[in-house]
Amino acid sequence: MHSELESGLTLYRERAYLLGGYVGMFGGVFSHTDSQAPEYPVLYIETPKGQTSWHIHPDDKDVFDGLKVPTVEKYPWDGHSTEEKYLRIEALNLLIPKMTFAKPEYGNP
């Protein structure tokens, strides 16, 4: 039997794992606020650069189990567009301190 990592992940599941890092740093909330896709929880993350949100496939919600993300009914969306969200992420990434460095033989970033 192959592990999930050996058999390949969907892009959405890969994204869920990466979003777990932001949830670990800033916390997060699940809400079912999209009436056009009520079966997909929306993950909201409030960051120092503003709110971000993503629809999470129901099969991928388990990725967040260890992070204890609460579900909040009707969490308020600030109206950000996809473009605004990624501009916030770009600005946020510049704020996050480097926690690890490349191997010394490759130089420090």
PDB file of N, CA and C in Angstrom:
ATOM      1  N   MET A   1       0.851  -1.191   0.000  1.00  0.00           N
ATOM      2  CA  MET A   1       0.000   0.000   0.000  1.00  0.00           C
ATOM      3  C   MET A   1       0.888   1.243   0.000  1.00  0.00           C
ATOM      4  N   HIS A   2       0.576   2.161  -0.883  1.00  0.00           N
ATOM      5  CA  HIS A   2       1.363   3.392  -0.989  1.00  0.00           C
ATOM      6  C   HIS A   2       0.834   4.447  -0.035  1.00  0.00           C
ATOM      7  N   SER A   3       1.746   5.231   0.504  1.00  0.00           N
ATOM      8  CA  SER A   3       1.315   6.360   1.324  1.00  0.00           C
ATOM      9  C   SER A   3       0.771   7.442   0.403  1.00  0.00           C
ATOM     10  N   GLU A   4       0.072   8.374   0.989  1.00  0.00           N
ATOM     11  CA  GLU A   4      -0.482   9.489   0.215  1.00  0.00           C
ATOM     12  C   GLU A   4       0.626  10.249  -0.502  1.00  0.00           C
ATOM     13  N   LEU A   5       1.761  10.434   0.155  1.00  0.00           N
ATOM     14  CA  LEU A   5       2.850  11.179  -0.464  1.00  0.00           C
ATOM     15  C   LEU A   5       3.474  10.414  -1.618  1.00  0.00           C
ATOM     16  N   GLU A   6       3.520   9.085  -1.524  1.00  0.00           N
ATOM     17  CA  GLU A   6       4.074   8.281  -2.604  1.00  0.00           C
ATOM     18  C   GLU A   6       3.152   8.234  -3.812  1.00  0.00           C
ATOM     19  N   SER A   7       1.851   8.228  -3.581  1.00  0.00           N
ATOM     20  CA  SER A   7       0.907   8.095  -4.682  1.00  0.00           C
ATOM     21  C   SER A   7       0.583   9.431  -5.346  1.00  0.00           C
ATOM     22  N   GLY A   8       1.008  10.519  -4.746  1.00  0.00           N
ATOM     23  CA  GLY A   8       0.748  11.830  -5.329  1.00  0.00           C
ATOM     24  C   GLY A   8      -0.418  12.521  -4.656  1.00  0.00           C
ATOM     25  N   LEU A   9      -0.282  13.802  -4.502  1.00  0.00           N
ATOM     26  CA  LEU A   9      -1.315  14.607  -3.871  1.00  0.00           C
ATOM     27  C   LEU A   9      -2.020  15.430  -4.928  1.00  0.00           C
ATOM     28  N   THR A  10      -3.258  15.754  -4.662  1.00  0.00           N
ATOM     29  CA  THR A  10      -3.917  16.723  -5.534  1.00  0.00           C
ATOM     30  C   THR A  10      -3.347  18.099  -5.223  1.00  0.00           C
ATOM     31  N   LEU A  11      -3.460  18.998  -6.155  1.00  0.00           N
ATOM     32  CA  LEU A  11      -2.985  20.359  -5.912  1.00  0.00           C
ATOM     33  C   LEU A  11      -3.717  20.996  -4.737  1.00  0.00           C
ATOM     34  N   TYR A  12      -5.000  20.689  -4.588  1.00  0.00           N
ATOM     35  CA  TYR A  12      -5.766  21.264  -3.488  1.00  0.00           C
ATOM     36  C   TYR A  12      -5.288  20.732  -2.141  1.00  0.00           C
ATOM     37  N   ARG A  13      -4.939  19.462  -2.098  1.00  0.00           N
ATOM     38  CA  ARG A  13      -4.433  18.898  -0.840  1.00  0.00           C
ATOM     39  C   ARG A  13      -3.052  19.463  -0.531  1.00  0.00           C
ATOM     40  N   GLU A  14      -2.215  19.595  -1.558  1.00  0.00           N
ATOM     41  CA  GLU A  14      -0.911  20.222  -1.350  1.00  0.00           C
ATOM     42  C   GLU A  14      -1.086  21.627  -0.791  1.00  0.00           C
ATOM     43  N   ARG A  15      -2.013  22.379  -1.372  1.00  0.00           N
ATOM     44  CA  ARG A  15      -2.282  23.738  -0.895  1.00  0.00           C
ATOM     45  C   ARG A  15      -2.748  23.715   0.561  1.00  0.00           C
ATOM     46  N   ALA A  16      -3.586  22.751   0.910  1.00  0.00           N
ATOM     47  CA  ALA A  16      -4.075  22.649   2.288  1.00  0.00           C
ATOM     48  C   ALA A  16      -2.902  22.445   3.252  1.00  0.00           C
ATOM     49  N   TYR A  17      -1.964  21.595   2.879  1.00  0.00           N
ATOM     50  CA  TYR A  17      -0.794  21.395   3.746  1.00  0.00           C
ATOM     51  C   TYR A  17      -0.004  22.692   3.905  1.00  0.00           C
ATOM     52  N   LEU A  18       0.184  23.420   2.835  1.00  0.00           N
ATOM     53  CA  LEU A  18       0.928  24.679   2.920  1.00  0.00           C
ATOM     54  C   LEU A  18       0.167  25.725   3.737  1.00  0.00           C
ATOM     55  N   LEU A  19      -1.148  25.781   3.570  1.00  0.00           N
ATOM     56  CA  LEU A  19      -1.948  26.720   4.358  1.00  0.00           C
ATOM     57  C   LEU A  19      -1.881  26.394   5.840  1.00  0.00           C
ATOM     58  N   GLY A  20      -1.650  25.128   6.162  1.00  0.00           N
ATOM     59  CA  GLY A  20      -1.481  24.745   7.559  1.00  0.00           C
ATOM     60  C   GLY A  20      -0.351  25.519   8.228  1.00  0.00           C
ATOM     61  N   GLY A  21       0.677  25.874   7.468  1.00  0.00           N
ATOM     62  CA  GLY A  21       1.767  26.680   8.019  1.00  0.00           C
ATOM     63  C   GLY A  21       1.302  28.060   8.425  1.00  0.00           C
ATOM     64  N   TYR A  22       0.482  28.674   7.594  1.00  0.00           N
ATOM     65  CA  TYR A  22      -0.071  29.986   7.955  1.00  0.00           C
ATOM     66  C   TYR A  22      -1.004  29.870   9.153  1.00  0.00           C
ATOM     67  N   VAL A  23      -1.816  28.793   9.195  1.00  0.00           N
ATOM     68  CA  VAL A  23      -2.702  28.593  10.337  1.00  0.00           C
ATOM     69  C   VAL A  23      -1.880  28.423  11.610  1.00  0.00           C
ATOM     70  N   GLY A  24      -0.763  27.712  11.499  1.00  0.00           N
ATOM     71  CA  GLY A  24       0.106  27.536  12.649  1.00  0.00           C
ATOM     72  C   GLY A  24       0.674  28.846  13.164  1.00  0.00           C
ATOM     73  N   MET A  25       0.929  29.780  12.265  1.00  0.00           N
ATOM     74  CA  MET A  25       1.485  31.078  12.665  1.00  0.00           C
ATOM     75  C   MET A  25       0.420  32.065  13.126  1.00  0.00           C
ATOM     76  N   PHE A  26      -0.712  32.098  12.444  1.00  0.00           N
ATOM     77  CA  PHE A  26      -1.692  33.166  12.675  1.00  0.00           C
ATOM     78  C   PHE A  26      -3.045  32.691  13.170  1.00  0.00           C
ATOM     79  N   GLY A  27      -3.264  31.386  13.214  1.00  0.00           N
ATOM     80  CA  GLY A  27      -4.583  30.873  13.560  1.00  0.00           C
ATOM     81  C   GLY A  27      -5.486  30.885  12.339  1.00  0.00           C
ATOM     82  N   GLY A  28      -6.623  30.297  12.456  1.00  0.00           N
ATOM     83  CA  GLY A  28      -7.566  30.240  11.347  1.00  0.00           C
ATOM     84  C   GLY A  28      -8.939  29.842  11.837  1.00  0.00           C
ATOM     85  N   VAL A  29      -9.910  30.038  10.972  1.00  0.00           N
ATOM     86  CA  VAL A  29     -11.306  29.733  11.280  1.00  0.00           C
ATOM     87  C   VAL A  29     -11.932  29.132  10.034  1.00  0.00           C
ATOM     88  N   PHE A  30     -12.706  28.064  10.209  1.00  0.00           N
ATOM     89  CA  PHE A  30     -13.531  27.540   9.123  1.00  0.00           C
ATOM     90  C   PHE A  30     -14.923  28.124   9.249  1.00  0.00           C
ATOM     91  N   SER A  31     -15.534  28.417   8.107  1.00  0.00           N
ATOM     92  CA  SER A  31     -16.917  28.867   8.091  1.00  0.00           C
ATOM     93  C   SER A  31     -17.539  28.402   6.786  1.00  0.00           C
ATOM     94  N   HIS A  32     -18.828  28.235   6.787  1.00  0.00           N
ATOM     95  CA  HIS A  32     -19.548  27.856   5.568  1.00  0.00           C
ATOM     96  C   HIS A  32     -20.310  29.081   5.088  1.00  0.00           C
ATOM     97  N   THR A  33     -19.559  30.041   4.560  1.00  0.00           N
ATOM     98  CA  THR A  33     -20.145  31.340   4.216  1.00  0.00           C
ATOM     99  C   THR A  33     -20.432  31.519   2.733  1.00  0.00           C
ATOM    100  N   ASP A  34     -20.051  30.559   1.892  1.00  0.00           N
ATOM    101  CA  ASP A  34     -20.278  30.703   0.452  1.00  0.00           C
ATOM    102  C   ASP A  34     -21.542  29.947   0.072  1.00  0.00           C
ATOM    103  N   SER A  35     -22.613  30.688  -0.171  1.00  0.00           N
ATOM    104  CA  SER A  35     -23.893  30.050  -0.494  1.00  0.00           C
ATOM    105  C   SER A  35     -23.851  29.329  -1.836  1.00  0.00           C
ATOM    106  N   GLN A  36     -22.889  29.677  -2.702  1.00  0.00           N
ATOM    107  CA  GLN A  36     -22.770  29.000  -4.000  1.00  0.00           C
ATOM    108  C   GLN A  36     -22.008  27.677  -3.890  1.00  0.00           C
ATOM    109  N   ALA A  37     -21.299  27.466  -2.792  1.00  0.00           N
ATOM    110  CA  ALA A  37     -20.570  26.219  -2.564  1.00  0.00           C
ATOM    111  C   ALA A  37     -20.620  25.872  -1.075  1.00  0.00           C
ATOM    112  N   PRO A  38     -21.817  25.631  -0.533  1.00  0.00           N
ATOM    113  CA  PRO A  38     -21.958  25.434   0.914  1.00  0.00           C
ATOM    114  C   PRO A  38     -21.244  24.196   1.454  1.00  0.00           C
ATOM    115  N   GLU A  39     -20.962  23.232   0.585  1.00  0.00           N
ATOM    116  CA  GLU A  39     -20.278  22.023   1.060  1.00  0.00           C
ATOM    117  C   GLU A  39     -18.771  22.227   1.246  1.00  0.00           C
ATOM    118  N   TYR A  40     -18.235  23.335   0.738  1.00  0.00           N
ATOM    119  CA  TYR A  40     -16.814  23.644   0.864  1.00  0.00           C
ATOM    120  C   TYR A  40     -16.603  24.644   1.998  1.00  0.00           C
ATOM    121  N   PRO A  41     -15.956  24.216   3.074  1.00  0.00           N
ATOM    122  CA  PRO A  41     -15.674  25.200   4.120  1.00  0.00           C
ATOM    123  C   PRO A  41     -14.694  26.244   3.601  1.00  0.00           C
ATOM    124  N   VAL A  42     -14.851  27.442   4.083  1.00  0.00           N
ATOM    125  CA  VAL A  42     -13.928  28.524   3.746  1.00  0.00           C
ATOM    126  C   VAL A  42     -12.987  28.678   4.935  1.00  0.00           C
ATOM    127  N   LEU A  43     -11.690  28.643   4.652  1.00  0.00           N
ATOM    128  CA  LEU A  43     -10.677  28.854   5.677  1.00  0.00           C
ATOM    129  C   LEU A  43     -10.304  30.324   5.672  1.00  0.00           C
ATOM    130  N   TYR A  44     -10.517  30.997   6.790  1.00  0.00           N
ATOM    131  CA  TYR A  44     -10.139  32.396   6.943  1.00  0.00           C
ATOM    132  C   TYR A  44      -8.907  32.467   7.832  1.00  0.00           C
ATOM    133  N   ILE A  45      -7.928  33.260   7.396  1.00  0.00           N
ATOM    134  CA  ILE A  45      -6.728  33.493   8.184  1.00  0.00           C
ATOM    135  C   ILE A  45      -6.536  35.000   8.278  1.00  0.00           C
ATOM    136  N   GLU A  46      -6.519  35.513   9.495  1.00  0.00           N
ATOM    137  CA  GLU A  46      -6.287  36.941   9.725  1.00  0.00           C
ATOM    138  C   GLU A  46      -4.788  37.142   9.932  1.00  0.00           C
ATOM    139  N   THR A  47      -4.161  37.875   9.040  1.00  0.00           N
ATOM    140  CA  THR A  47      -2.718  38.077   9.108  1.00  0.00           C
ATOM    141  C   THR A  47      -2.410  39.547   9.392  1.00  0.00           C
ATOM    142  N   PRO A  48      -1.176  39.867   9.709  1.00  0.00           N
ATOM    143  CA  PRO A  48      -0.805  41.270   9.899  1.00  0.00           C
ATOM    144  C   PRO A  48      -1.001  42.117   8.636  1.00  0.00           C
ATOM    145  N   LYS A  49      -1.138  41.486   7.481  1.00  0.00           N
ATOM    146  CA  LYS A  49      -1.352  42.214   6.224  1.00  0.00           C
ATOM    147  C   LYS A  49      -2.786  42.128   5.730  1.00  0.00           C
ATOM    148  N   GLY A  50      -3.665  41.579   6.560  1.00  0.00           N
ATOM    149  CA  GLY A  50      -5.079  41.525   6.201  1.00  0.00           C
ATOM    150  C   GLY A  50      -5.597  40.103   6.094  1.00  0.00           C
ATOM    151  N   GLN A  51      -6.900  40.006   5.915  1.00  0.00           N
ATOM    152  CA  GLN A  51      -7.572  38.718   5.848  1.00  0.00           C
ATOM    153  C   GLN A  51      -7.265  37.997   4.536  1.00  0.00           C
ATOM    154  N   THR A  52      -7.132  36.687   4.637  1.00  0.00           N
ATOM    155  CA  THR A  52      -7.029  35.836   3.461  1.00  0.00           C
ATOM    156  C   THR A  52      -8.049  34.720   3.626  1.00  0.00           C
ATOM    157  N   SER A  53      -8.491  34.129   2.520  1.00  0.00           N
ATOM    158  CA  SER A  53      -9.458  33.043   2.618  1.00  0.00           C
ATOM    159  C   SER A  53      -9.336  32.112   1.421  1.00  0.00           C
ATOM    160  N   TRP A  54      -9.640  30.848   1.669  1.00  0.00           N
ATOM    161  CA  TRP A  54      -9.609  29.826   0.626  1.00  0.00           C
ATOM    162  C   TRP A  54     -10.735  28.840   0.857  1.00  0.00           C
ATOM    163  N   HIS A  55     -11.324  28.348  -0.228  1.00  0.00           N
ATOM    164  CA  HIS A  55     -12.245  27.223  -0.136  1.00  0.00           C
ATOM    165  C   HIS A  55     -11.384  25.969   0.035  1.00  0.00           C
ATOM    166  N   ILE A  56     -11.777  25.119   0.955  1.00  0.00           N
ATOM    167  CA  ILE A  56     -11.061  23.882   1.212  1.00  0.00           C
ATOM    168  C   ILE A  56     -11.963  22.716   0.812  1.00  0.00           C
ATOM    169  N   HIS A  57     -11.420  21.804   0.015  1.00  0.00           N
ATOM    170  CA  HIS A  57     -12.205  20.628  -0.372  1.00  0.00           C
ATOM    171  C   HIS A  57     -12.556  19.854   0.895  1.00  0.00           C
ATOM    172  N   PRO A  58     -13.798  19.379   1.008  1.00  0.00           N
ATOM    173  CA  PRO A  58     -14.188  18.643   2.215  1.00  0.00           C
ATOM    174  C   PRO A  58     -13.256  17.467   2.543  1.00  0.00           C
ATOM    175  N   ASP A  59     -12.709  16.812   1.529  1.00  0.00           N
ATOM    176  CA  ASP A  59     -11.797  15.690   1.763  1.00  0.00           C
ATOM    177  C   ASP A  59     -10.462  16.136   2.347  1.00  0.00           C
ATOM    178  N   ASP A  60     -10.155  17.431   2.254  1.00  0.00           N
ATOM    179  CA  ASP A  60      -8.865  17.941   2.727  1.00  0.00           C
ATOM    180  C   ASP A  60      -8.952  18.616   4.095  1.00  0.00           C
ATOM    181  N   LYS A  61     -10.135  18.700   4.652  1.00  0.00           N
ATOM    182  CA  LYS A  61     -10.290  19.368   5.943  1.00  0.00           C
ATOM    183  C   LYS A  61      -9.506  18.653   7.042  1.00  0.00           C
ATOM    184  N   ASP A  62      -9.307  17.341   6.888  1.00  0.00           N
ATOM    185  CA  ASP A  62      -8.581  16.575   7.900  1.00  0.00           C
ATOM    186  C   ASP A  62      -7.126  17.017   8.043  1.00  0.00           C
ATOM    187  N   VAL A  63      -6.580  17.681   7.035  1.00  0.00           N
ATOM    188  CA  VAL A  63      -5.208  18.183   7.110  1.00  0.00           C
ATOM    189  C   VAL A  63      -5.052  19.136   8.296  1.00  0.00           C
ATOM    190  N   PHE A  64      -6.139  19.805   8.668  1.00  0.00           N
ATOM    191  CA  PHE A  64      -6.096  20.822   9.715  1.00  0.00           C
ATOM    192  C   PHE A  64      -6.477  20.287  11.103  1.00  0.00           C
ATOM    193  N   ASP A  65      -6.758  18.991  11.215  1.00  0.00           N
ATOM    194  CA  ASP A  65      -7.239  18.420  12.478  1.00  0.00           C
ATOM    195  C   ASP A  65      -6.308  18.711  13.648  1.00  0.00           C
ATOM    196  N   GLY A  66      -5.026  18.521  13.490  1.00  0.00           N
ATOM    197  CA  GLY A  66      -4.088  18.753  14.583  1.00  0.00           C
ATOM    198  C   GLY A  66      -3.914  20.216  14.941  1.00  0.00           C
ATOM    199  N   LEU A  67      -4.376  21.107  14.064  1.00  0.00           N
ATOM    200  CA  LEU A  67      -4.232  22.549  14.300  1.00  0.00           C
ATOM    201  C   LEU A  67      -5.420  23.135  15.048  1.00  0.00           C
ATOM    202  N   LYS A  68      -6.427  22.328  15.312  1.00  0.00           N
ATOM    203  CA  LYS A  68      -7.592  22.741  16.100  1.00  0.00           C
ATOM    204  C   LYS A  68      -8.236  24.030  15.569  1.00  0.00           C
ATOM    205  N   VAL A  69      -8.567  24.016  14.277  1.00  0.00           N
ATOM    206  CA  VAL A  69      -9.213  25.173  13.646  1.00  0.00           C
ATOM    207  C   VAL A  69     -10.705  25.114  13.967  1.00  0.00           C
ATOM    208  N   PRO A  70     -11.217  26.125  14.663  1.00  0.00           N
ATOM    209  CA  PRO A  70     -12.645  26.095  14.998  1.00  0.00           C
ATOM    210  C   PRO A  70     -13.519  26.405  13.779  1.00  0.00           C
ATOM    211  N   THR A  71     -14.756  25.986  13.864  1.00  0.00           N
ATOM    212  CA  THR A  71     -15.748  26.350  12.854  1.00  0.00           C
ATOM    213  C   THR A  71     -16.648  27.418  13.463  1.00  0.00           C
ATOM    214  N   VAL A  72     -16.773  28.520  12.767  1.00  0.00           N
ATOM    215  CA  VAL A  72     -17.567  29.656  13.237  1.00  0.00           C
ATOM    216  C   VAL A  72     -18.654  29.931  12.205  1.00  0.00           C
ATOM    217  N   GLU A  73     -19.889  29.971  12.650  1.00  0.00           N
ATOM    218  CA  GLU A  73     -20.991  30.245  11.740  1.00  0.00           C
ATOM    219  C   GLU A  73     -20.919  31.693  11.256  1.00  0.00           C
ATOM    220  N   LYS A  74     -21.002  31.873   9.967  1.00  0.00           N
ATOM    221  CA  LYS A  74     -21.055  33.204   9.336  1.00  0.00           C
ATOM    222  C   LYS A  74     -19.887  34.109   9.728  1.00  0.00           C
ATOM    223  N   TYR A  75     -18.669  33.593   9.599  1.00  0.00           N
ATOM    224  CA  TYR A  75     -17.493  34.423   9.863  1.00  0.00           C
ATOM    225  C   TYR A  75     -17.470  35.573   8.856  1.00  0.00           C
ATOM    226  N   PRO A  76     -17.139  36.792   9.269  1.00  0.00           N
ATOM    227  CA  PRO A  76     -17.203  37.942   8.352  1.00  0.00           C
ATOM    228  C   PRO A  76     -16.034  37.981   7.352  1.00  0.00           C
ATOM    229  N   TRP A  77     -16.382  37.986   6.082  1.00  0.00           N
ATOM    230  CA  TRP A  77     -15.424  38.143   4.989  1.00  0.00           C
ATOM    231  C   TRP A  77     -15.254  39.635   4.750  1.00  0.00           C
ATOM    232  N   ASP A  78     -14.029  40.104   4.570  1.00  0.00           N
ATOM    233  CA  ASP A  78     -13.799  41.543   4.395  1.00  0.00           C
ATOM    234  C   ASP A  78     -13.963  42.021   2.954  1.00  0.00           C
ATOM    235  N   GLY A  79     -14.351  41.140   2.048  1.00  0.00           N
ATOM    236  CA  GLY A  79     -14.609  41.533   0.665  1.00  0.00           C
ATOM    237  C   GLY A  79     -13.384  41.499  -0.239  1.00  0.00           C
ATOM    238  N   HIS A  80     -12.265  40.976   0.245  1.00  0.00           N
ATOM    239  CA  HIS A  80     -11.046  40.968  -0.578  1.00  0.00           C
ATOM    240  C   HIS A  80     -11.242  40.141  -1.847  1.00  0.00           C
ATOM    241  N   SER A  81     -10.591  40.592  -2.902  1.00  0.00           N
ATOM    242  CA  SER A  81     -10.593  39.856  -4.166  1.00  0.00           C
ATOM    243  C   SER A  81      -9.439  38.861  -4.140  1.00  0.00           C
ATOM    244  N   THR A  82      -9.402  37.984  -5.120  1.00  0.00           N
ATOM    245  CA  THR A  82      -8.279  37.044  -5.230  1.00  0.00           C
ATOM    246  C   THR A  82      -6.981  37.812  -5.411  1.00  0.00           C
ATOM    247  N   GLU A  83      -6.998  38.852  -6.236  1.00  0.00           N
ATOM    248  CA  GLU A  83      -5.783  39.661  -6.441  1.00  0.00           C
ATOM    249  C   GLU A  83      -5.330  40.305  -5.129  1.00  0.00           C
ATOM    250  N   GLU A  84      -6.276  40.892  -4.389  1.00  0.00           N
ATOM    251  CA  GLU A  84      -5.923  41.498  -3.099  1.00  0.00           C
ATOM    252  C   GLU A  84      -5.347  40.461  -2.138  1.00  0.00           C
ATOM    253  N   LYS A  85      -5.943  39.276  -2.131  1.00  0.00           N
ATOM    254  CA  LYS A  85      -5.461  38.220  -1.239  1.00  0.00           C
ATOM    255  C   LYS A  85      -3.993  37.907  -1.531  1.00  0.00           C
ATOM    256  N   TYR A  86      -3.647  37.756  -2.787  1.00  0.00           N
ATOM    257  CA  TYR A  86      -2.267  37.393  -3.108  1.00  0.00           C
ATOM    258  C   TYR A  86      -1.299  38.562  -2.952  1.00  0.00           C
ATOM    259  N   LEU A  87      -1.771  39.778  -3.071  1.00  0.00           N
ATOM    260  CA  LEU A  87      -0.922  40.933  -2.733  1.00  0.00           C
ATOM    261  C   LEU A  87      -0.647  40.943  -1.229  1.00  0.00           C
ATOM    262  N   ARG A  88      -1.644  40.591  -0.430  1.00  0.00           N
ATOM    263  CA  ARG A  88      -1.454  40.492   1.018  1.00  0.00           C
ATOM    264  C   ARG A  88      -0.468  39.377   1.364  1.00  0.00           C
ATOM    265  N   ILE A  89      -0.594  38.242   0.683  1.00  0.00           N
ATOM    266  CA  ILE A  89       0.326  37.126   0.916  1.00  0.00           C
ATOM    267  C   ILE A  89       1.750  37.515   0.533  1.00  0.00           C
ATOM    268  N   GLU A  90       1.891  38.206  -0.593  1.00  0.00           N
ATOM    269  CA  GLU A  90       3.220  38.661  -1.027  1.00  0.00           C
ATOM    270  C   GLU A  90       3.845  39.577   0.035  1.00  0.00           C
ATOM    271  N   ALA A  91       3.070  40.519   0.543  1.00  0.00           N
ATOM    272  CA  ALA A  91       3.568  41.427   1.586  1.00  0.00           C
ATOM    273  C   ALA A  91       3.842  40.669   2.883  1.00  0.00           C
ATOM    274  N   LEU A  92       2.986  39.724   3.205  1.00  0.00           N
ATOM    275  CA  LEU A  92       3.162  38.933   4.414  1.00  0.00           C
ATOM    276  C   LEU A  92       4.448  38.117   4.364  1.00  0.00           C
ATOM    277  N   ASN A  93       4.723  37.511   3.229  1.00  0.00           N
ATOM    278  CA  ASN A  93       5.919  36.680   3.102  1.00  0.00           C
ATOM    279  C   ASN A  93       7.191  37.477   3.338  1.00  0.00           C
ATOM    280  N   LEU A  94       7.174  38.768   3.036  1.00  0.00           N
ATOM    281  CA  LEU A  94       8.345  39.608   3.287  1.00  0.00           C
ATOM    282  C   LEU A  94       8.519  39.910   4.775  1.00  0.00           C
ATOM    283  N   LEU A  95       7.422  39.781   5.550  1.00  0.00           N
ATOM    284  CA  LEU A  95       7.474  40.039   6.989  1.00  0.00           C
ATOM    285  C   LEU A  95       7.921  38.830   7.803  1.00  0.00           C
ATOM    286  N   ILE A  96       7.649  37.645   7.283  1.00  0.00           N
ATOM    287  CA  ILE A  96       7.922  36.435   8.048  1.00  0.00           C
ATOM    288  C   ILE A  96       9.429  36.214   8.119  1.00  0.00           C
ATOM    289  N   PRO A  97       9.963  36.139   9.337  1.00  0.00           N
ATOM    290  CA  PRO A  97      11.422  35.942   9.457  1.00  0.00           C
ATOM    291  C   PRO A  97      11.815  34.557   8.968  1.00  0.00           C
ATOM    292  N   LYS A  98      13.006  34.476   8.448  1.00  0.00           N
ATOM    293  CA  LYS A  98      13.514  33.172   8.036  1.00  0.00           C
ATOM    294  C   LYS A  98      13.807  32.357   9.292  1.00  0.00           C
ATOM    295  N   MET A  99      13.211  31.195   9.366  1.00  0.00           N
ATOM    296  CA  MET A  99      13.396  30.347  10.533  1.00  0.00           C
ATOM    297  C   MET A  99      14.504  29.323  10.315  1.00  0.00           C
ATOM    298  N   THR A 100      14.815  29.058   9.067  1.00  0.00           N
ATOM    299  CA  THR A 100      15.899  28.141   8.730  1.00  0.00           C
ATOM    300  C   THR A 100      16.703  28.761   7.600  1.00  0.00           C
ATOM    301  N   PHE A 101      17.877  28.247   7.421  1.00  0.00           N
ATOM    302  CA  PHE A 101      18.735  28.768   6.371  1.00  0.00           C
ATOM    303  C   PHE A 101      19.241  27.621   5.521  1.00  0.00           C
ATOM    304  N   ALA A 102      19.684  27.969   4.344  1.00  0.00           N
ATOM    305  CA  ALA A 102      20.279  26.969   3.470  1.00  0.00           C
ATOM    306  C   ALA A 102      21.521  26.397   4.138  1.00  0.00           C
ATOM    307  N   LYS A 103      21.938  25.262   3.679  1.00  0.00           N
ATOM    308  CA  LYS A 103      23.168  24.670   4.215  1.00  0.00           C
ATOM    309  C   LYS A 103      24.302  25.676   4.048  1.00  0.00           C
ATOM    310  N   PRO A 104      25.198  25.741   5.034  1.00  0.00           N
ATOM    311  CA  PRO A 104      26.279  26.739   4.990  1.00  0.00           C
ATOM    312  C   PRO A 104      27.064  26.738   3.689  1.00  0.00           C
ATOM    313  N   GLU A 105      27.242  25.562   3.107  1.00  0.00           N
ATOM    314  CA  GLU A 105      28.032  25.522   1.866  1.00  0.00           C
ATOM    315  C   GLU A 105      27.343  26.227   0.704  1.00  0.00           C
ATOM    316  N   TYR A 106      26.057  26.519   0.847  1.00  0.00           N
ATOM    317  CA  TYR A 106      25.335  27.241  -0.206  1.00  0.00           C
ATOM    318  C   TYR A 106      25.167  28.725   0.130  1.00  0.00           C
ATOM    319  N   GLY A 107      25.620  29.145   1.293  1.00  0.00           N
ATOM    320  CA  GLY A 107      25.526  30.541   1.690  1.00  0.00           C
ATOM    321  C   GLY A 107      24.199  30.850   2.359  1.00  0.00           C
ATOM    322  N   ASN A 108      24.205  31.891   3.142  1.00  0.00           N
ATOM    323  CA  ASN A 108      22.971  32.334   3.793  1.00  0.00           C
ATOM    324  C   ASN A 108      22.186  33.232   2.857  1.00  0.00           C
ATOM    325  N   PRO A 109      20.871  33.108   2.911  1.00  0.00           N
ATOM    326  CA  PRO A 109      20.026  33.976   2.049  1.00  0.00           C
ATOM    327  C   PRO A 109      20.085  35.423   2.490  1.00  0.00           C
TER     328      PRO A 109
END
